Amino acid sequence: MTDSANTPEPKTRKSSTQRRTGAGDNKPSSVELLSRARVQLTELIGMSAESVTSFEQTEDGWTLEIEVLELARVPDTMSLLASYEVSLDPQGELTGYRRIRRYERGRTDPHRPGGP
């Protein structure tokens, strides 16, 4: 008969997210934040979020800029894209968004005043 009080508890491995963020702080990783933001925006606006072009932590959570395919055209360089500014709370839940510009895929940004 074995004494269960003397049997060591099995060790559990922490996931890579737990190792990066701590075991119980519920803070999502950067990759998880970006992925969740794209999914949430796609669900809200009904258009495909293609890429995240900027990502910044703020006092209130996170601010991202996400490129969205608004109108697919042939050839693809004529498709209409839009950039959306997206706000997330510290846990990665979307708290707001707004479209900040719309453009054809094949066009480059014009020179902005004060920029390089």
Protein backbone atom coordinates (compact mmCIF):
# COMPACT_ATOMS: atom_id res chain seq x y z
CA MET A 1 0.00 0.00 0.00
CA THR A 2 1.39 3.41 -0.95
CA ASP A 3 1.05 6.55 1.10
CA SER A 4 -0.47 9.23 -1.12
CA ALA A 5 0.69 11.98 1.27
CA ASN A 6 4.32 11.19 0.41
CA THR A 7 3.76 10.91 -3.33
CA PRO A 8 5.07 13.98 -5.11
CA GLU A 9 2.63 15.93 -7.23
CA PRO A 10 3.28 15.63 -10.96
CA LYS A 11 4.97 18.68 -12.41
CA THR A 12 3.01 20.59 -15.00
CA ARG A 13 4.64 22.49 -17.79
CA LYS A 14 3.68 26.07 -18.35
CA SER A 15 2.67 27.00 -21.84
CA SER A 16 4.90 29.40 -23.74
CA THR A 17 2.36 32.15 -23.08
CA GLN A 18 2.38 31.46 -19.35
CA ARG A 19 6.19 31.50 -19.29
CA ARG A 20 6.27 34.87 -21.06
CA THR A 21 3.49 36.59 -19.14
CA GLY A 22 3.39 34.86 -15.76
CA ALA A 23 1.12 32.03 -14.66
CA GLY A 24 -1.90 33.94 -13.45
CA ASP A 25 -1.87 37.49 -14.75
CA ASN A 26 -4.18 36.83 -17.78
CA LYS A 27 -2.10 39.18 -19.93
CA PRO A 28 -2.23 38.05 -23.56
CA SER A 29 0.96 37.93 -25.62
CA SER A 30 1.52 40.43 -28.43
CA VAL A 31 0.80 37.78 -31.05
CA GLU A 32 -2.47 36.90 -29.32
CA LEU A 33 -3.46 40.58 -29.14
CA LEU A 34 -2.82 41.12 -32.85
CA SER A 35 -4.66 37.98 -33.85
CA ARG A 36 -7.67 38.73 -31.64
CA ALA A 37 -7.85 42.32 -32.90
CA ARG A 38 -7.95 41.15 -36.54
CA VAL A 39 -10.68 38.59 -35.78
CA GLN A 40 -12.79 41.06 -33.78
CA LEU A 41 -12.56 43.78 -36.44
CA THR A 42 -13.43 41.31 -39.22
CA GLU A 43 -16.51 40.18 -37.28
CA LEU A 44 -17.66 43.76 -36.68
CA ILE A 45 -17.21 45.21 -40.17
CA GLY A 46 -17.72 42.07 -42.25
CA MET A 47 -14.58 42.61 -44.32
CA SER A 48 -11.24 40.79 -44.31
CA ALA A 49 -8.52 42.25 -42.07
CA GLU A 50 -5.33 41.64 -44.04
CA SER A 51 -2.50 42.89 -41.85
CA VAL A 52 -1.53 44.92 -38.81
CA THR A 53 0.64 47.85 -39.87
CA SER A 54 1.23 49.43 -36.45
CA PHE A 55 0.93 48.33 -32.83
CA GLU A 56 1.44 50.49 -29.75
CA GLN A 57 0.75 50.13 -26.03
CA THR A 58 -1.13 53.07 -24.47
CA GLU A 59 -2.21 53.99 -20.96
CA ASP A 60 -5.66 52.49 -21.69
CA GLY A 61 -4.51 49.34 -23.49
CA TRP A 62 -3.38 49.14 -27.11
CA THR A 63 -3.77 51.02 -30.39
CA LEU A 64 -3.35 49.26 -33.73
CA GLU A 65 -3.63 50.16 -37.37
CA ILE A 66 -5.10 47.35 -39.45
CA GLU A 67 -5.35 47.13 -43.25
CA VAL A 68 -8.70 45.83 -44.50
CA LEU A 69 -9.67 44.66 -47.98
CA GLU A 70 -12.85 46.66 -48.66
CA LEU A 71 -13.39 45.91 -52.35
CA ALA A 72 -11.63 43.21 -54.37
CA ARG A 73 -10.97 44.13 -58.00
CA VAL A 74 -9.18 42.66 -61.00
CA PRO A 75 -6.31 43.25 -61.29
CA ASP A 76 -5.58 42.99 -57.58
CA THR A 77 -3.55 46.21 -57.65
CA MET A 78 -6.83 48.07 -58.18
CA SER A 79 -8.50 46.58 -55.08
CA LEU A 80 -9.61 49.08 -52.45
CA LEU A 81 -7.98 48.84 -49.04
CA ALA A 82 -8.63 50.86 -45.91
CA SER A 83 -6.64 51.50 -42.76
CA TYR A 84 -8.53 51.26 -39.50
CA GLU A 85 -7.33 52.56 -36.15
CA VAL A 86 -8.37 50.01 -33.53
CA SER A 87 -8.35 50.44 -29.75
CA LEU A 88 -8.06 47.48 -27.37
CA ASP A 89 -8.33 47.30 -23.60
CA PRO A 90 -5.41 45.74 -21.63
CA GLN A 91 -6.97 42.25 -22.03
CA GLY A 92 -7.19 42.59 -25.81
CA GLU A 93 -10.92 43.27 -26.19
CA LEU A 94 -11.79 45.73 -28.94
CA THR A 95 -13.16 48.98 -27.47
CA GLY A 96 -13.37 51.09 -30.63
CA TYR A 97 -12.35 51.50 -34.26
CA ARG A 98 -12.48 54.06 -37.05
CA ARG A 99 -11.47 54.12 -40.70
CA ILE A 100 -8.63 56.59 -41.16
CA ARG A 101 -7.95 56.27 -44.89
CA ARG A 102 -9.02 54.40 -48.03
CA TYR A 103 -6.79 53.73 -51.05
CA GLU A 104 -6.09 51.47 -54.02
CA ARG A 105 -3.68 48.62 -53.29
CA GLY A 106 -1.26 49.69 -56.03
CA ARG A 107 -0.90 53.27 -54.77
CA THR A 108 1.76 54.53 -52.42
CA ASP A 109 1.17 57.13 -49.71
CA PRO A 110 1.85 60.68 -50.86
CA HIS A 111 4.59 62.58 -49.11
CA ARG A 112 3.25 63.72 -45.73
CA PRO A 113 4.23 67.16 -44.38
CA GLY A 114 6.85 66.85 -41.66
CA GLY A 115 7.77 63.32 -42.76
CA PRO A 116 10.91 62.04 -44.45
